[in-house]
């Protein structure tokens, strides 16, 4: 998965299609946008005991999902995930995303 680790609140903002098109059509805007993909990571880490999930801290956050026992899980309800804010992510990024340094991928693949 891509765009799992937004670096700013504006990058993590949920937009409707018209708002997104308006943002990306600005010449030279250079605006990065990830939306709330990170909440999908939180949801899957809370609900799927059959998936190992982590996010590599590179690019805009590369989510890796594989079948298997999770390294650790979250205990968020669906309502809790819905109510999470960017501030929650920013304060608990490691825990919510199971964030890993990019070099972890080599270790994981072995």
C-alpha atoms as a PDB file:
ATOM      1  CA  UNK A   1       0.000   0.000   0.000  1.00  0.00           C
ATOM      2  CA  UNK A   2       1.166   3.530  -0.653  1.00  0.00           C
ATOM      3  CA  UNK A   3       0.661   6.869   1.150  1.00  0.00           C
ATOM      4  CA  UNK A   4       0.417   5.307   4.621  1.00  0.00           C
ATOM      5  CA  UNK A   5       2.563   7.855   6.483  1.00  0.00           C
ATOM      6  CA  UNK A   6       1.479  11.444   5.837  1.00  0.00           C
ATOM      7  CA  UNK A   7       3.925  14.030   7.155  1.00  0.00           C
ATOM      8  CA  UNK A   8       1.506  16.907   7.717  1.00  0.00           C
ATOM      9  CA  UNK A   9      -2.101  17.490   8.650  1.00  0.00           C
ATOM     10  CA  UNK A  10      -2.875  19.029   5.259  1.00  0.00           C
ATOM     11  CA  UNK A  11      -1.356  16.002   3.519  1.00  0.00           C
ATOM     12  CA  UNK A  12      -3.593  13.726   5.598  1.00  0.00           C
ATOM     13  CA  UNK A  13      -6.779  15.710   4.995  1.00  0.00           C
ATOM     14  CA  UNK A  14      -9.692  13.754   3.606  1.00  0.00           C
ATOM     15  CA  UNK A  15     -10.912  15.432   0.412  1.00  0.00           C
ATOM     16  CA  UNK A  16     -13.770  14.781  -1.915  1.00  0.00           C
ATOM     17  CA  UNK A  17     -12.887  14.329  -5.590  1.00  0.00           C
ATOM     18  CA  UNK A  18     -13.660  17.945  -6.543  1.00  0.00           C
ATOM     19  CA  UNK A  19     -11.425  19.295  -3.747  1.00  0.00           C
ATOM     20  CA  UNK A  20      -8.609  16.948  -4.733  1.00  0.00           C
ATOM     21  CA  UNK A  21      -8.837  17.913  -8.405  1.00  0.00           C
ATOM     22  CA  UNK A  22      -8.791  21.586  -7.440  1.00  0.00           C
ATOM     23  CA  UNK A  23      -5.619  21.060  -5.371  1.00  0.00           C
ATOM     24  CA  UNK A  24      -3.678  19.092  -7.970  1.00  0.00           C
ATOM     25  CA  UNK A  25      -4.633  21.343 -10.879  1.00  0.00           C
ATOM     26  CA  UNK A  26      -2.765  24.288  -9.385  1.00  0.00           C
ATOM     27  CA  UNK A  27       0.333  24.795 -11.571  1.00  0.00           C
ATOM     28  CA  UNK A  28       3.509  24.177  -9.607  1.00  0.00           C
ATOM     29  CA  UNK A  29       1.534  23.399  -6.458  1.00  0.00           C
ATOM     30  CA  UNK A  30       3.794  20.479  -5.496  1.00  0.00           C
ATOM     31  CA  UNK A  31       1.117  19.509  -2.995  1.00  0.00           C
ATOM     32  CA  UNK A  32       1.534  16.051  -1.525  1.00  0.00           C
ATOM     33  CA  UNK A  33      -1.685  14.329  -0.547  1.00  0.00           C
ATOM     34  CA  UNK A  34      -2.115  10.981   1.179  1.00  0.00           C
ATOM     35  CA  UNK A  35      -5.579  11.291   2.645  1.00  0.00           C
ATOM     36  CA  UNK A  36      -6.419   8.891   5.443  1.00  0.00           C
ATOM     37  CA  UNK A  37      -4.880   5.691   4.097  1.00  0.00           C
ATOM     38  CA  UNK A  38      -3.126   5.436   7.467  1.00  0.00           C
ATOM     39  CA  UNK A  39      -6.503   4.644   9.034  1.00  0.00           C
ATOM     40  CA  UNK A  40      -6.711   1.531   6.854  1.00  0.00           C
ATOM     41  CA  UNK A  41      -3.471   0.365   8.451  1.00  0.00           C
ATOM     42  CA  UNK A  42      -4.955   1.038  11.915  1.00  0.00           C
ATOM     43  CA  UNK A  43      -8.126  -0.829  10.966  1.00  0.00           C
ATOM     44  CA  UNK A  44      -6.369  -3.895   9.590  1.00  0.00           C
ATOM     45  CA  UNK A  45      -3.919  -4.016  12.509  1.00  0.00           C
ATOM     46  CA  UNK A  46      -6.929  -3.968  14.857  1.00  0.00           C
ATOM     47  CA  UNK A  47      -9.158  -6.469  13.070  1.00  0.00           C
ATOM     48  CA  UNK A  48      -6.974  -8.971  11.231  1.00  0.00           C
ATOM     49  CA  UNK A  49      -5.145 -11.547  13.325  1.00  0.00           C
ATOM     50  CA  UNK A  50      -4.092 -13.306  10.106  1.00  0.00           C
ATOM     51  CA  UNK A  51      -2.025 -10.446   8.646  1.00  0.00           C
ATOM     52  CA  UNK A  52       1.425  -9.168   9.479  1.00  0.00           C
ATOM     53  CA  UNK A  53       1.402  -5.423   8.765  1.00  0.00           C
ATOM     54  CA  UNK A  54       4.018  -2.711   8.972  1.00  0.00           C
ATOM     55  CA  UNK A  55       4.829   0.544   7.208  1.00  0.00           C
ATOM     56  CA  UNK A  56       8.254   1.412   5.855  1.00  0.00           C
ATOM     57  CA  UNK A  57       9.268   4.964   6.688  1.00  0.00           C
ATOM     58  CA  UNK A  58      10.145   5.943   3.129  1.00  0.00           C
ATOM     59  CA  UNK A  59       8.539   7.894   0.332  1.00  0.00           C
ATOM     60  CA  UNK A  60       5.060   8.632   1.724  1.00  0.00           C
ATOM     61  CA  UNK A  61       4.896   5.435   3.749  1.00  0.00           C
ATOM     62  CA  UNK A  62       4.905   2.040   2.066  1.00  0.00           C
ATOM     63  CA  UNK A  63       2.545  -0.385   3.784  1.00  0.00           C
ATOM     64  CA  UNK A  64       3.522  -4.052   3.694  1.00  0.00           C
ATOM     65  CA  UNK A  65       0.813  -6.647   4.344  1.00  0.00           C
ATOM     66  CA  UNK A  66       1.482 -10.365   4.321  1.00  0.00           C
ATOM     67  CA  UNK A  67      -0.377 -13.416   5.482  1.00  0.00           C
ATOM     68  CA  UNK A  68       0.873 -14.569   8.825  1.00  0.00           C
ATOM     69  CA  UNK A  69       0.897 -13.855  12.522  1.00  0.00           C
ATOM     70  CA  UNK A  70       1.121 -10.163  13.369  1.00  0.00           C
ATOM     71  CA  UNK A  71       4.173  -8.892  15.184  1.00  0.00           C
ATOM     72  CA  UNK A  72       1.776  -6.918  17.361  1.00  0.00           C
ATOM     73  CA  UNK A  73      -1.821  -5.744  17.101  1.00  0.00           C
ATOM     74  CA  UNK A  74      -3.859  -2.699  17.917  1.00  0.00           C
ATOM     75  CA  UNK A  75      -7.039  -2.765  19.966  1.00  0.00           C
ATOM     76  CA  UNK A  76      -9.023  -0.008  18.264  1.00  0.00           C
ATOM     77  CA  UNK A  77     -12.738  -0.359  17.605  1.00  0.00           C
ATOM     78  CA  UNK A  78     -14.146   0.809  14.282  1.00  0.00           C
ATOM     79  CA  UNK A  79     -15.580   3.906  16.008  1.00  0.00           C
ATOM     80  CA  UNK A  80     -12.206   4.683  17.624  1.00  0.00           C
ATOM     81  CA  UNK A  81     -10.492   4.487  14.237  1.00  0.00           C
ATOM     82  CA  UNK A  82     -13.117   6.732  12.678  1.00  0.00           C
ATOM     83  CA  UNK A  83     -12.445   9.322  15.405  1.00  0.00           C
ATOM     84  CA  UNK A  84      -8.643   9.235  15.126  1.00  0.00           C
ATOM     85  CA  UNK A  85      -7.136  12.546  14.067  1.00  0.00           C
ATOM     86  CA  UNK A  86      -3.853  13.468  12.450  1.00  0.00           C
ATOM     87  CA  UNK A  87      -2.688  14.620  15.887  1.00  0.00           C
ATOM     88  CA  UNK A  88      -3.280  11.068  17.186  1.00  0.00           C
ATOM     89  CA  UNK A  89      -1.198   9.691  14.327  1.00  0.00           C
ATOM     90  CA  UNK A  90       1.545  12.244  14.835  1.00  0.00           C
ATOM     91  CA  UNK A  91       1.812  11.432  18.547  1.00  0.00           C
ATOM     92  CA  UNK A  92       1.632   7.637  18.089  1.00  0.00           C
ATOM     93  CA  UNK A  93       3.042   7.071  14.600  1.00  0.00           C
ATOM     94  CA  UNK A  94       5.328   4.170  15.593  1.00  0.00           C
ATOM     95  CA  UNK A  95       2.539   2.321  17.382  1.00  0.00           C
ATOM     96  CA  UNK A  96      -0.305   2.945  14.924  1.00  0.00           C
ATOM     97  CA  UNK A  97       1.671   2.184  11.765  1.00  0.00           C
ATOM     98  CA  UNK A  98       4.157  -0.321  13.198  1.00  0.00           C
ATOM     99  CA  UNK A  99       6.611   2.012  11.468  1.00  0.00           C
ATOM    100  CA  UNK A 100       9.928   0.515  10.375  1.00  0.00           C
ATOM    101  CA  UNK A 101      13.141   1.967   8.977  1.00  0.00           C
ATOM    102  CA  UNK A 102      13.487   1.177   5.246  1.00  0.00           C
ATOM    103  CA  UNK A 103      16.419  -1.146   5.981  1.00  0.00           C
ATOM    104  CA  UNK A 104      13.992  -3.457   7.822  1.00  0.00           C
ATOM    105  CA  UNK A 105      12.690  -4.704   4.474  1.00  0.00           C
ATOM    106  CA  UNK A 106      15.884  -6.671   3.817  1.00  0.00           C
ATOM    107  CA  UNK A 107      15.625  -8.354   7.231  1.00  0.00           C
ATOM    108  CA  UNK A 108      11.934  -9.081   6.687  1.00  0.00           C
ATOM    109  CA  UNK A 109      12.511 -10.687   3.292  1.00  0.00           C
ATOM    110  CA  UNK A 110      15.136 -13.069   4.717  1.00  0.00           C
END
